[in-house]
Amino acid sequence: MDMRRKKELLEEYRNRRPEMGVVSFRCKATGESFLGSTKDTKAYFNSERFKLLSGGHPNRQFQEIWNRHGEEGFEVSVIRTLKYDDPKEDHREELEELFEQCLQADSMARRIWK
């Protein structure tokens, strides 16, 4: 890859606007939901899915339910997104607030990360 193209790709990456929000892994059979907040929903889904498929997810209860029902037994979705202007700003507080609202709205929901 030439240097010009590499610089273009790097600049595109730096200027991207990833979707920030609260994601849900909901078990269709039990109705239990596992929620997480993230600055990049696509990367978060990929990361959590990999941990679950490899059997090494730190949340043992989530891993057990995943093992019992399999990937097809879960509904994966972004339940709330955060509207923001500058992707370089720190949005942790707003994401945490949005996350807490989602946890309170669903009595069957738990945190992916304790």
PDB file of N, CA and C in Angstrom:
ATOM      1  N   MET A   1       0.852  -1.175   0.000  1.00  0.00           N
ATOM      2  CA  MET A   1       0.000   0.000   0.000  1.00  0.00           C
ATOM      3  C   MET A   1       0.896   1.237   0.000  1.00  0.00           C
ATOM      4  N   ASP A   2       0.590   2.169  -0.882  1.00  0.00           N
ATOM      5  CA  ASP A   2       1.434   3.367  -0.940  1.00  0.00           C
ATOM      6  C   ASP A   2       1.117   4.310   0.229  1.00  0.00           C
ATOM      7  N   MET A   3       2.030   5.198   0.519  1.00  0.00           N
ATOM      8  CA  MET A   3       1.911   6.088   1.677  1.00  0.00           C
ATOM      9  C   MET A   3       0.722   7.036   1.576  1.00  0.00           C
ATOM     10  N   ARG A   4       0.416   7.500   0.347  1.00  0.00           N
ATOM     11  CA  ARG A   4      -0.697   8.415   0.161  1.00  0.00           C
ATOM     12  C   ARG A   4      -2.016   7.749   0.568  1.00  0.00           C
ATOM     13  N   ARG A   5      -2.210   6.529   0.102  1.00  0.00           N
ATOM     14  CA  ARG A   5      -3.436   5.785   0.420  1.00  0.00           C
ATOM     15  C   ARG A   5      -3.514   5.468   1.919  1.00  0.00           C
ATOM     16  N   LYS A   6      -2.380   5.156   2.502  1.00  0.00           N
ATOM     17  CA  LYS A   6      -2.334   4.856   3.928  1.00  0.00           C
ATOM     18  C   LYS A   6      -2.741   6.088   4.745  1.00  0.00           C
ATOM     19  N   LYS A   7      -2.250   7.262   4.338  1.00  0.00           N
ATOM     20  CA  LYS A   7      -2.606   8.503   5.024  1.00  0.00           C
ATOM     21  C   LYS A   7      -4.092   8.818   4.870  1.00  0.00           C
ATOM     22  N   GLU A   8      -4.644   8.568   3.686  1.00  0.00           N
ATOM     23  CA  GLU A   8      -6.077   8.785   3.449  1.00  0.00           C
ATOM     24  C   GLU A   8      -6.916   7.911   4.375  1.00  0.00           C
ATOM     25  N   LEU A   9      -6.569   6.638   4.450  1.00  0.00           N
ATOM     26  CA  LEU A   9      -7.309   5.708   5.296  1.00  0.00           C
ATOM     27  C   LEU A   9      -7.203   6.081   6.770  1.00  0.00           C
ATOM     28  N   LEU A  10      -6.030   6.506   7.193  1.00  0.00           N
ATOM     29  CA  LEU A  10      -5.830   6.924   8.567  1.00  0.00           C
ATOM     30  C   LEU A  10      -6.674   8.163   8.877  1.00  0.00           C
ATOM     31  N   GLU A  11      -6.708   9.091   7.957  1.00  0.00           N
ATOM     32  CA  GLU A  11      -7.508  10.312   8.138  1.00  0.00           C
ATOM     33  C   GLU A  11      -9.003   9.981   8.197  1.00  0.00           C
ATOM     34  N   GLU A  12      -9.459   9.079   7.351  1.00  0.00           N
ATOM     35  CA  GLU A  12     -10.861   8.644   7.383  1.00  0.00           C
ATOM     36  C   GLU A  12     -11.204   8.034   8.730  1.00  0.00           C
ATOM     37  N   TYR A  13     -10.320   7.203   9.241  1.00  0.00           N
ATOM     38  CA  TYR A  13     -10.551   6.567  10.535  1.00  0.00           C
ATOM     39  C   TYR A  13     -10.637   7.605  11.649  1.00  0.00           C
ATOM     40  N   ARG A  14      -9.737   8.561  11.636  1.00  0.00           N
ATOM     41  CA  ARG A  14      -9.733   9.600  12.675  1.00  0.00           C
ATOM     42  C   ARG A  14     -10.987  10.466  12.631  1.00  0.00           C
ATOM     43  N   ASN A  15     -11.558  10.656  11.454  1.00  0.00           N
ATOM     44  CA  ASN A  15     -12.721  11.533  11.301  1.00  0.00           C
ATOM     45  C   ASN A  15     -14.062  10.791  11.313  1.00  0.00           C
ATOM     46  N   ARG A  16     -14.030   9.495  11.543  1.00  0.00           N
ATOM     47  CA  ARG A  16     -15.284   8.743  11.531  1.00  0.00           C
ATOM     48  C   ARG A  16     -16.137   9.096  12.743  1.00  0.00           C
ATOM     49  N   ARG A  17     -17.412   8.831  12.622  1.00  0.00           N
ATOM     50  CA  ARG A  17     -18.346   9.104  13.708  1.00  0.00           C
ATOM     51  C   ARG A  17     -19.035   7.789  14.094  1.00  0.00           C
ATOM     52  N   PRO A  18     -18.415   7.032  14.978  1.00  0.00           N
ATOM     53  CA  PRO A  18     -19.014   5.752  15.351  1.00  0.00           C
ATOM     54  C   PRO A  18     -20.322   5.952  16.104  1.00  0.00           C
ATOM     55  N   GLU A  19     -21.195   4.970  15.983  1.00  0.00           N
ATOM     56  CA  GLU A  19     -22.469   5.012  16.693  1.00  0.00           C
ATOM     57  C   GLU A  19     -22.206   4.701  18.168  1.00  0.00           C
ATOM     58  N   MET A  20     -22.603   5.618  19.047  1.00  0.00           N
ATOM     59  CA  MET A  20     -22.459   5.426  20.485  1.00  0.00           C
ATOM     60  C   MET A  20     -23.830   5.111  21.057  1.00  0.00           C
ATOM     61  N   GLY A  21     -23.860   4.242  22.049  1.00  0.00           N
ATOM     62  CA  GLY A  21     -25.148   3.954  22.643  1.00  0.00           C
ATOM     63  C   GLY A  21     -25.151   2.753  23.564  1.00  0.00           C
ATOM     64  N   VAL A  22     -26.373   2.257  23.804  1.00  0.00           N
ATOM     65  CA  VAL A  22     -26.602   1.113  24.676  1.00  0.00           C
ATOM     66  C   VAL A  22     -27.014  -0.065  23.813  1.00  0.00           C
ATOM     67  N   VAL A  23     -26.318  -1.182  23.999  1.00  0.00           N
ATOM     68  CA  VAL A  23     -26.594  -2.387  23.221  1.00  0.00           C
ATOM     69  C   VAL A  23     -27.219  -3.448  24.118  1.00  0.00           C
ATOM     70  N   SER A  24     -27.974  -4.338  23.491  1.00  0.00           N
ATOM     71  CA  SER A  24     -28.677  -5.377  24.227  1.00  0.00           C
ATOM     72  C   SER A  24     -28.483  -6.732  23.575  1.00  0.00           C
ATOM     73  N   PHE A  25     -28.203  -7.726  24.404  1.00  0.00           N
ATOM     74  CA  PHE A  25     -28.229  -9.126  24.002  1.00  0.00           C
ATOM     75  C   PHE A  25     -29.408  -9.714  24.768  1.00  0.00           C
ATOM     76  N   ARG A  26     -30.518  -9.977  24.081  1.00  0.00           N
ATOM     77  CA  ARG A  26     -31.720 -10.480  24.746  1.00  0.00           C
ATOM     78  C   ARG A  26     -31.948 -11.934  24.380  1.00  0.00           C
ATOM     79  N   CYS A  27     -32.073 -12.781  25.395  1.00  0.00           N
ATOM     80  CA  CYS A  27     -32.341 -14.199  25.184  1.00  0.00           C
ATOM     81  C   CYS A  27     -33.817 -14.357  24.838  1.00  0.00           C
ATOM     82  N   LYS A  28     -34.107 -14.932  23.697  1.00  0.00           N
ATOM     83  CA  LYS A  28     -35.491 -15.101  23.244  1.00  0.00           C
ATOM     84  C   LYS A  28     -36.254 -16.063  24.147  1.00  0.00           C
ATOM     85  N   ALA A  29     -35.599 -17.087  24.648  1.00  0.00           N
ATOM     86  CA  ALA A  29     -36.266 -18.112  25.454  1.00  0.00           C
ATOM     87  C   ALA A  29     -36.606 -17.634  26.864  1.00  0.00           C
ATOM     88  N   THR A  30     -35.701 -16.903  27.488  1.00  0.00           N
ATOM     89  CA  THR A  30     -35.899 -16.507  28.888  1.00  0.00           C
ATOM     90  C   THR A  30     -36.353 -15.064  29.053  1.00  0.00           C
ATOM     91  N   GLY A  31     -36.128 -14.233  28.040  1.00  0.00           N
ATOM     92  CA  GLY A  31     -36.488 -12.822  28.133  1.00  0.00           C
ATOM     93  C   GLY A  31     -35.446 -11.979  28.856  1.00  0.00           C
ATOM     94  N   GLU A  32     -34.386 -12.619  29.335  1.00  0.00           N
ATOM     95  CA  GLU A  32     -33.331 -11.882  30.033  1.00  0.00           C
ATOM     96  C   GLU A  32     -32.531 -11.053  29.039  1.00  0.00           C
ATOM     97  N   SER A  33     -32.168  -9.858  29.465  1.00  0.00           N
ATOM     98  CA  SER A  33     -31.359  -8.974  28.627  1.00  0.00           C
ATOM     99  C   SER A  33     -30.062  -8.634  29.340  1.00  0.00           C
ATOM    100  N   PHE A  34     -29.015  -8.548  28.559  1.00  0.00           N
ATOM    101  CA  PHE A  34     -27.714  -8.119  29.063  1.00  0.00           C
ATOM    102  C   PHE A  34     -27.344  -6.862  28.295  1.00  0.00           C
ATOM    103  N   LEU A  35     -27.158  -5.767  29.035  1.00  0.00           N
ATOM    104  CA  LEU A  35     -26.927  -4.458  28.422  1.00  0.00           C
ATOM    105  C   LEU A  35     -25.497  -3.988  28.645  1.00  0.00           C
ATOM    106  N   GLY A  36     -25.025  -3.213  27.687  1.00  0.00           N
ATOM    107  CA  GLY A  36     -23.715  -2.584  27.793  1.00  0.00           C
ATOM    108  C   GLY A  36     -23.730  -1.247  27.081  1.00  0.00           C
ATOM    109  N   SER A  37     -22.933  -0.310  27.549  1.00  0.00           N
ATOM    110  CA  SER A  37     -22.825   0.985  26.870  1.00  0.00           C
ATOM    111  C   SER A  37     -21.466   1.057  26.202  1.00  0.00           C
ATOM    112  N   THR A  38     -21.425   1.728  25.062  1.00  0.00           N
ATOM    113  CA  THR A  38     -20.190   1.734  24.285  1.00  0.00           C
ATOM    114  C   THR A  38     -20.059   2.963  23.411  1.00  0.00           C
ATOM    115  N   LYS A  39     -18.818   3.280  23.072  1.00  0.00           N
ATOM    116  CA  LYS A  39     -18.526   4.387  22.159  1.00  0.00           C
ATOM    117  C   LYS A  39     -18.540   3.934  20.707  1.00  0.00           C
ATOM    118  N   ASP A  40     -18.607   2.625  20.463  1.00  0.00           N
ATOM    119  CA  ASP A  40     -18.635   2.093  19.098  1.00  0.00           C
ATOM    120  C   ASP A  40     -19.430   0.784  19.110  1.00  0.00           C
ATOM    121  N   THR A  41     -20.699   0.857  18.741  1.00  0.00           N
ATOM    122  CA  THR A  41     -21.592  -0.302  18.856  1.00  0.00           C
ATOM    123  C   THR A  41     -21.148  -1.477  17.993  1.00  0.00           C
ATOM    124  N   LYS A  42     -20.688  -1.231  16.785  1.00  0.00           N
ATOM    125  CA  LYS A  42     -20.269  -2.333  15.908  1.00  0.00           C
ATOM    126  C   LYS A  42     -19.095  -3.092  16.501  1.00  0.00           C
ATOM    127  N   ALA A  43     -18.111  -2.368  16.990  1.00  0.00           N
ATOM    128  CA  ALA A  43     -16.938  -3.009  17.590  1.00  0.00           C
ATOM    129  C   ALA A  43     -17.332  -3.755  18.860  1.00  0.00           C
ATOM    130  N   TYR A  44     -18.260  -3.197  19.630  1.00  0.00           N
ATOM    131  CA  TYR A  44     -18.702  -3.819  20.876  1.00  0.00           C
ATOM    132  C   TYR A  44     -19.391  -5.154  20.599  1.00  0.00           C
ATOM    133  N   PHE A  45     -20.312  -5.174  19.630  1.00  0.00           N
ATOM    134  CA  PHE A  45     -20.990  -6.424  19.275  1.00  0.00           C
ATOM    135  C   PHE A  45     -19.976  -7.480  18.862  1.00  0.00           C
ATOM    136  N   ASN A  46     -19.035  -7.088  18.036  1.00  0.00           N
ATOM    137  CA  ASN A  46     -18.032  -8.022  17.559  1.00  0.00           C
ATOM    138  C   ASN A  46     -17.201  -8.581  18.718  1.00  0.00           C
ATOM    139  N   SER A  47     -16.790  -7.733  19.617  1.00  0.00           N
ATOM    140  CA  SER A  47     -15.972  -8.140  20.748  1.00  0.00           C
ATOM    141  C   SER A  47     -16.725  -9.091  21.675  1.00  0.00           C
ATOM    142  N   GLU A  48     -17.947  -8.730  22.050  1.00  0.00           N
ATOM    143  CA  GLU A  48     -18.732  -9.568  22.957  1.00  0.00           C
ATOM    144  C   GLU A  48     -19.062 -10.907  22.312  1.00  0.00           C
ATOM    145  N   ARG A  49     -19.409 -10.895  21.048  1.00  0.00           N
ATOM    146  CA  ARG A  49     -19.733 -12.128  20.325  1.00  0.00           C
ATOM    147  C   ARG A  49     -18.526 -13.062  20.303  1.00  0.00           C
ATOM    148  N   PHE A  50     -17.359 -12.517  20.046  1.00  0.00           N
ATOM    149  CA  PHE A  50     -16.143 -13.325  20.029  1.00  0.00           C
ATOM    150  C   PHE A  50     -15.895 -13.979  21.390  1.00  0.00           C
ATOM    151  N   LYS A  51     -16.034 -13.213  22.463  1.00  0.00           N
ATOM    152  CA  LYS A  51     -15.824 -13.753  23.807  1.00  0.00           C
ATOM    153  C   LYS A  51     -16.815 -14.873  24.101  1.00  0.00           C
ATOM    154  N   LEU A  52     -18.066 -14.667  23.696  1.00  0.00           N
ATOM    155  CA  LEU A  52     -19.095 -15.678  23.942  1.00  0.00           C
ATOM    156  C   LEU A  52     -18.857 -16.939  23.117  1.00  0.00           C
ATOM    157  N   LEU A  53     -18.521 -16.770  21.851  1.00  0.00           N
ATOM    158  CA  LEU A  53     -18.297 -17.932  20.981  1.00  0.00           C
ATOM    159  C   LEU A  53     -17.065 -18.732  21.410  1.00  0.00           C
ATOM    160  N   SER A  54     -16.082 -18.056  21.972  1.00  0.00           N
ATOM    161  CA  SER A  54     -14.880 -18.765  22.417  1.00  0.00           C
ATOM    162  C   SER A  54     -15.046 -19.353  23.816  1.00  0.00           C
ATOM    163  N   GLY A  55     -16.166 -19.024  24.474  1.00  0.00           N
ATOM    164  CA  GLY A  55     -16.437 -19.578  25.799  1.00  0.00           C
ATOM    165  C   GLY A  55     -15.700 -18.884  26.920  1.00  0.00           C
ATOM    166  N   GLY A  56     -15.159 -17.719  26.654  1.00  0.00           N
ATOM    167  CA  GLY A  56     -14.359 -17.027  27.657  1.00  0.00           C
ATOM    168  C   GLY A  56     -14.919 -15.707  28.123  1.00  0.00           C
ATOM    169  N   HIS A  57     -16.228 -15.546  28.108  1.00  0.00           N
ATOM    170  CA  HIS A  57     -16.786 -14.268  28.548  1.00  0.00           C
ATOM    171  C   HIS A  57     -16.690 -14.162  30.066  1.00  0.00           C
ATOM    172  N   PRO A  58     -16.260 -13.011  30.590  1.00  0.00           N
ATOM    173  CA  PRO A  58     -16.104 -12.848  32.037  1.00  0.00           C
ATOM    174  C   PRO A  58     -17.420 -12.946  32.827  1.00  0.00           C
ATOM    175  N   ASN A  59     -18.546 -12.616  32.191  1.00  0.00           N
ATOM    176  CA  ASN A  59     -19.836 -12.725  32.866  1.00  0.00           C
ATOM    177  C   ASN A  59     -20.308 -14.175  32.726  1.00  0.00           C
ATOM    178  N   ARG A  60     -20.081 -14.972  33.771  1.00  0.00           N
ATOM    179  CA  ARG A  60     -20.369 -16.410  33.735  1.00  0.00           C
ATOM    180  C   ARG A  60     -21.850 -16.700  33.479  1.00  0.00           C
ATOM    181  N   GLN A  61     -22.734 -15.921  34.074  1.00  0.00           N
ATOM    182  CA  GLN A  61     -24.170 -16.159  33.880  1.00  0.00           C
ATOM    183  C   GLN A  61     -24.561 -15.933  32.421  1.00  0.00           C
ATOM    184  N   PHE A  62     -24.062 -14.870  31.840  1.00  0.00           N
ATOM    185  CA  PHE A  62     -24.313 -14.570  30.430  1.00  0.00           C
ATOM    186  C   PHE A  62     -23.766 -15.696  29.557  1.00  0.00           C
ATOM    187  N   GLN A  63     -22.566 -16.147  29.866  1.00  0.00           N
ATOM    188  CA  GLN A  63     -21.930 -17.220  29.102  1.00  0.00           C
ATOM    189  C   GLN A  63     -22.741 -18.516  29.193  1.00  0.00           C
ATOM    190  N   GLU A  64     -23.253 -18.847  30.368  1.00  0.00           N
ATOM    191  CA  GLU A  64     -24.050 -20.068  30.547  1.00  0.00           C
ATOM    192  C   GLU A  64     -25.329 -20.021  29.717  1.00  0.00           C
ATOM    193  N   ILE A  65     -26.003 -18.890  29.740  1.00  0.00           N
ATOM    194  CA  ILE A  65     -27.240 -18.746  28.963  1.00  0.00           C
ATOM    195  C   ILE A  65     -26.920 -18.822  27.471  1.00  0.00           C
ATOM    196  N   TRP A  66     -25.823 -18.209  27.064  1.00  0.00           N
ATOM    197  CA  TRP A  66     -25.388 -18.266  25.657  1.00  0.00           C
ATOM    198  C   TRP A  66     -25.095 -19.718  25.248  1.00  0.00           C
ATOM    199  N   ASN A  67     -24.405 -20.447  26.103  1.00  0.00           N
ATOM    200  CA  ASN A  67     -24.076 -21.846  25.812  1.00  0.00           C
ATOM    201  C   ASN A  67     -25.337 -22.694  25.698  1.00  0.00           C
ATOM    202  N   ARG A  68     -26.310 -22.428  26.539  1.00  0.00           N
ATOM    203  CA  ARG A  68     -27.552 -23.195  26.550  1.00  0.00           C
ATOM    204  C   ARG A  68     -28.408 -22.922  25.309  1.00  0.00           C
ATOM    205  N   HIS A  69     -28.517 -21.666  24.903  1.00  0.00           N
ATOM    206  CA  HIS A  69     -29.442 -21.284  23.833  1.00  0.00           C
ATOM    207  C   HIS A  69     -28.764 -20.989  22.501  1.00  0.00           C
ATOM    208  N   GLY A  70     -27.466 -20.799  22.502  1.00  0.00           N
ATOM    209  CA  GLY A  70     -26.732 -20.542  21.265  1.00  0.00           C
ATOM    210  C   GLY A  70     -26.935 -19.140  20.724  1.00  0.00           C
ATOM    211  N   GLU A  71     -26.151 -18.826  19.723  1.00  0.00           N
ATOM    212  CA  GLU A  71     -26.200 -17.490  19.120  1.00  0.00           C
ATOM    213  C   GLU A  71     -27.576 -17.185  18.535  1.00  0.00           C
ATOM    214  N   GLU A  72     -28.196 -18.177  17.910  1.00  0.00           N
ATOM    215  CA  GLU A  72     -29.511 -17.963  17.294  1.00  0.00           C
ATOM    216  C   GLU A  72     -30.610 -17.748  18.333  1.00  0.00           C
ATOM    217  N   GLY A  73     -30.332 -18.038  19.591  1.00  0.00           N
ATOM    218  CA  GLY A  73     -31.295 -17.834  20.665  1.00  0.00           C
ATOM    219  C   GLY A  73     -31.283 -16.431  21.232  1.00  0.00           C
ATOM    220  N   PHE A  74     -30.453 -15.566  20.658  1.00  0.00           N
ATOM    221  CA  PHE A  74     -30.342 -14.195  21.152  1.00  0.00           C
ATOM    222  C   PHE A  74     -30.732 -13.186  20.084  1.00  0.00           C
ATOM    223  N   GLU A  75     -31.356 -12.135  20.548  1.00  0.00           N
ATOM    224  CA  GLU A  75     -31.693 -10.987  19.713  1.00  0.00           C
ATOM    225  C   GLU A  75     -30.700  -9.893  20.102  1.00  0.00           C
ATOM    226  N   VAL A  76     -29.928  -9.433  19.152  1.00  0.00           N
ATOM    227  CA  VAL A  76     -28.900  -8.436  19.417  1.00  0.00           C
ATOM    228  C   VAL A  76     -29.338  -7.123  18.780  1.00  0.00           C
ATOM    229  N   SER A  77     -29.297  -6.029  19.578  1.00  0.00           N
ATOM    230  CA  SER A  77     -29.760  -4.750  19.028  1.00  0.00           C
ATOM    231  C   SER A  77     -29.146  -3.568  19.768  1.00  0.00           C
ATOM    232  N   VAL A  78     -29.212  -2.424  19.112  1.00  0.00           N
ATOM    233  CA  VAL A  78     -28.858  -1.155  19.749  1.00  0.00           C
ATOM    234  C   VAL A  78     -30.187  -0.586  20.226  1.00  0.00           C
ATOM    235  N   ILE A  79     -30.348  -0.431  21.543  1.00  0.00           N
ATOM    236  CA  ILE A  79     -31.648   0.015  22.042  1.00  0.00           C
ATOM    237  C   ILE A  79     -31.749   1.527  22.206  1.00  0.00           C
ATOM    238  N   ARG A  80     -30.626   2.194  22.417  1.00  0.00           N
ATOM    239  CA  ARG A  80     -30.624   3.655  22.479  1.00  0.00           C
ATOM    240  C   ARG A  80     -29.304   4.152  21.910  1.00  0.00           C
ATOM    241  N   THR A  81     -29.365   5.235  21.158  1.00  0.00           N
ATOM    242  CA  THR A  81     -28.142   5.843  20.632  1.00  0.00           C
ATOM    243  C   THR A  81     -27.955   7.229  21.236  1.00  0.00           C
ATOM    244  N   LEU A  82     -26.717   7.619  21.325  1.00  0.00           N
ATOM    245  CA  LEU A  82     -26.372   8.925  21.864  1.00  0.00           C
ATOM    246  C   LEU A  82     -26.119   9.878  20.709  1.00  0.00           C
ATOM    247  N   LYS A  83     -26.798  10.994  20.723  1.00  0.00           N
ATOM    248  CA  LYS A  83     -26.566  12.038  19.723  1.00  0.00           C
ATOM    249  C   LYS A  83     -25.415  12.904  20.216  1.00  0.00           C
ATOM    250  N   TYR A  84     -24.439  13.116  19.352  1.00  0.00           N
ATOM    251  CA  TYR A  84     -23.279  13.916  19.747  1.00  0.00           C
ATOM    252  C   TYR A  84     -22.735  14.658  18.534  1.00  0.00           C
ATOM    253  N   ASP A  85     -21.970  15.737  18.815  1.00  0.00           N
ATOM    254  CA  ASP A  85     -21.393  16.546  17.750  1.00  0.00           C
ATOM    255  C   ASP A  85     -19.935  16.208  17.487  1.00  0.00           C
ATOM    256  N   ASP A  86     -19.158  16.172  18.545  1.00  0.00           N
ATOM    257  CA  ASP A  86     -17.714  15.979  18.398  1.00  0.00           C
ATOM    258  C   ASP A  86     -17.309  14.592  18.894  1.00  0.00           C
ATOM    259  N   PRO A  87     -16.842  13.717  17.993  1.00  0.00           N
ATOM    260  CA  PRO A  87     -16.454  12.374  18.427  1.00  0.00           C
ATOM    261  C   PRO A  87     -15.211  12.346  19.316  1.00  0.00           C
ATOM    262  N   LYS A  88     -14.473  13.442  19.356  1.00  0.00           N
ATOM    263  CA  LYS A  88     -13.252  13.487  20.164  1.00  0.00           C
ATOM    264  C   LYS A  88     -13.535  13.876  21.615  1.00  0.00           C
ATOM    265  N   GLU A  89     -14.736  14.364  21.900  1.00  0.00           N
ATOM    266  CA  GLU A  89     -15.102  14.733  23.267  1.00  0.00           C
ATOM    267  C   GLU A  89     -15.326  13.478  24.103  1.00  0.00           C
ATOM    268  N   ASP A  90     -15.246  13.634  25.410  1.00  0.00           N
ATOM    269  CA  ASP A  90     -15.501  12.531  26.337  1.00  0.00           C
ATOM    270  C   ASP A  90     -17.009  12.446  26.600  1.00  0.00           C
ATOM    271  N   HIS A  91     -17.612  11.328  26.228  1.00  0.00           N
ATOM    272  CA  HIS A  91     -19.062  11.155  26.362  1.00  0.00           C
ATOM    273  C   HIS A  91     -19.415  10.092  27.397  1.00  0.00           C
ATOM    274  N   ARG A  92     -18.483   9.766  28.281  1.00  0.00           N
ATOM    275  CA  ARG A  92     -18.719   8.699  29.257  1.00  0.00           C
ATOM    276  C   ARG A  92     -19.903   8.975  30.167  1.00  0.00           C
ATOM    277  N   GLU A  93     -20.022  10.195  30.666  1.00  0.00           N
ATOM    278  CA  GLU A  93     -21.115  10.523  31.584  1.00  0.00           C
ATOM    279  C   GLU A  93     -22.468  10.391  30.896  1.00  0.00           C
ATOM    280  N   GLU A  94     -22.581  10.910  29.669  1.00  0.00           N
ATOM    281  CA  GLU A  94     -23.847  10.821  28.942  1.00  0.00           C
ATOM    282  C   GLU A  94     -24.199   9.367  28.628  1.00  0.00           C
ATOM    283  N   LEU A  95     -23.197   8.571  28.267  1.00  0.00           N
ATOM    284  CA  LEU A  95     -23.435   7.154  27.992  1.00  0.00           C
ATOM    285  C   LEU A  95     -23.879   6.419  29.252  1.00  0.00           C
ATOM    286  N   GLU A  96     -23.260   6.730  30.377  1.00  0.00           N
ATOM    287  CA  GLU A  96     -23.636   6.087  31.641  1.00  0.00           C
ATOM    288  C   GLU A  96     -25.058   6.450  32.036  1.00  0.00           C
ATOM    289  N   GLU A  97     -25.434   7.703  31.833  1.00  0.00           N
ATOM    290  CA  GLU A  97     -26.794   8.149  32.141  1.00  0.00           C
ATOM    291  C   GLU A  97     -27.812   7.431  31.251  1.00  0.00           C
ATOM    292  N   LEU A  98     -27.521   7.340  29.981  1.00  0.00           N
ATOM    293  CA  LEU A  98     -28.382   6.636  29.031  1.00  0.00           C
ATOM    294  C   LEU A  98     -28.486   5.158  29.414  1.00  0.00           C
ATOM    295  N   PHE A  99     -27.380   4.576  29.802  1.00  0.00           N
ATOM    296  CA  PHE A  99     -27.328   3.181  30.221  1.00  0.00           C
ATOM    297  C   PHE A  99     -28.204   2.939  31.448  1.00  0.00           C
ATOM    298  N   GLU A 100     -28.106   3.797  32.439  1.00  0.00           N
ATOM    299  CA  GLU A 100     -28.906   3.659  33.663  1.00  0.00           C
ATOM    300  C   GLU A 100     -30.398   3.772  33.352  1.00  0.00           C
ATOM    301  N   GLN A 101     -30.769   4.658  32.441  1.00  0.00           N
ATOM    302  CA  GLN A 101     -32.174   4.789  32.035  1.00  0.00           C
ATOM    303  C   GLN A 101     -32.684   3.492  31.419  1.00  0.00           C
ATOM    304  N   CYS A 102     -31.869   2.871  30.600  1.00  0.00           N
ATOM    305  CA  CYS A 102     -32.246   1.611  29.950  1.00  0.00           C
ATOM    306  C   CYS A 102     -32.367   0.483  30.968  1.00  0.00           C
ATOM    307  N   LEU A 103     -31.469   0.439  31.940  1.00  0.00           N
ATOM    308  CA  LEU A 103     -31.549  -0.589  32.984  1.00  0.00           C
ATOM    309  C   LEU A 103     -32.825  -0.445  33.809  1.00  0.00           C
ATOM    310  N   GLN A 104     -33.188   0.776  34.133  1.00  0.00           N
ATOM    311  CA  GLN A 104     -34.385   1.018  34.926  1.00  0.00           C
ATOM    312  C   GLN A 104     -35.655   0.716  34.139  1.00  0.00           C
ATOM    313  N   ALA A 105     -35.616   0.885  32.826  1.00  0.00           N
ATOM    314  CA  ALA A 105     -36.802   0.675  31.988  1.00  0.00           C
ATOM    315  C   ALA A 105     -37.128  -0.805  31.783  1.00  0.00           C
ATOM    316  N   ASP A 106     -36.147  -1.687  31.952  1.00  0.00           N
ATOM    317  CA  ASP A 106     -36.347  -3.118  31.710  1.00  0.00           C
ATOM    318  C   ASP A 106     -35.985  -3.903  32.969  1.00  0.00           C
ATOM    319  N   SER A 107     -36.983  -4.485  33.615  1.00  0.00           N
ATOM    320  CA  SER A 107     -36.748  -5.207  34.864  1.00  0.00           C
ATOM    321  C   SER A 107     -35.961  -6.503  34.654  1.00  0.00           C
ATOM    322  N   MET A 108     -35.947  -7.030  33.438  1.00  0.00           N
ATOM    323  CA  MET A 108     -35.215  -8.271  33.125  1.00  0.00           C
ATOM    324  C   MET A 108     -33.786  -7.985  32.646  1.00  0.00           C
ATOM    325  N   ALA A 109     -33.379  -6.732  32.643  1.00  0.00           N
ATOM    326  CA  ALA A 109     -32.065  -6.361  32.115  1.00  0.00           C
ATOM    327  C   ALA A 109     -31.018  -6.340  33.225  1.00  0.00           C
ATOM    328  N   ARG A 110     -29.808  -6.759  32.822  1.00  0.00           N
ATOM    329  CA  ARG A 110     -28.656  -6.723  33.705  1.00  0.00           C
ATOM    330  C   ARG A 110     -27.461  -6.183  32.931  1.00  0.00           C
ATOM    331  N   ARG A 111     -26.446  -5.835  33.650  1.00  0.00           N
ATOM    332  CA  ARG A 111     -25.218  -5.337  33.040  1.00  0.00           C
ATOM    333  C   ARG A 111     -24.424  -6.504  32.438  1.00  0.00           C
ATOM    334  N   ILE A 112     -23.859  -6.276  31.272  1.00  0.00           N
ATOM    335  CA  ILE A 112     -22.943  -7.275  30.728  1.00  0.00           C
ATOM    336  C   ILE A 112     -21.702  -7.302  31.603  1.00  0.00           C
ATOM    337  N   TRP A 113     -21.194  -6.119  31.943  1.00  0.00           N
ATOM    338  CA  TRP A 113     -20.009  -6.000  32.784  1.00  0.00           C
ATOM    339  C   TRP A 113     -20.452  -5.536  34.155  1.00  0.00           C
ATOM    340  N   LYS A 114     -20.058  -6.282  35.173  1.00  0.00           N
ATOM    341  CA  LYS A 114     -20.492  -5.964  36.541  1.00  0.00           C
ATOM    342  C   LYS A 114     -19.672  -4.883  37.153  1.00  0.00           C
TER     343      LYS A 114
END
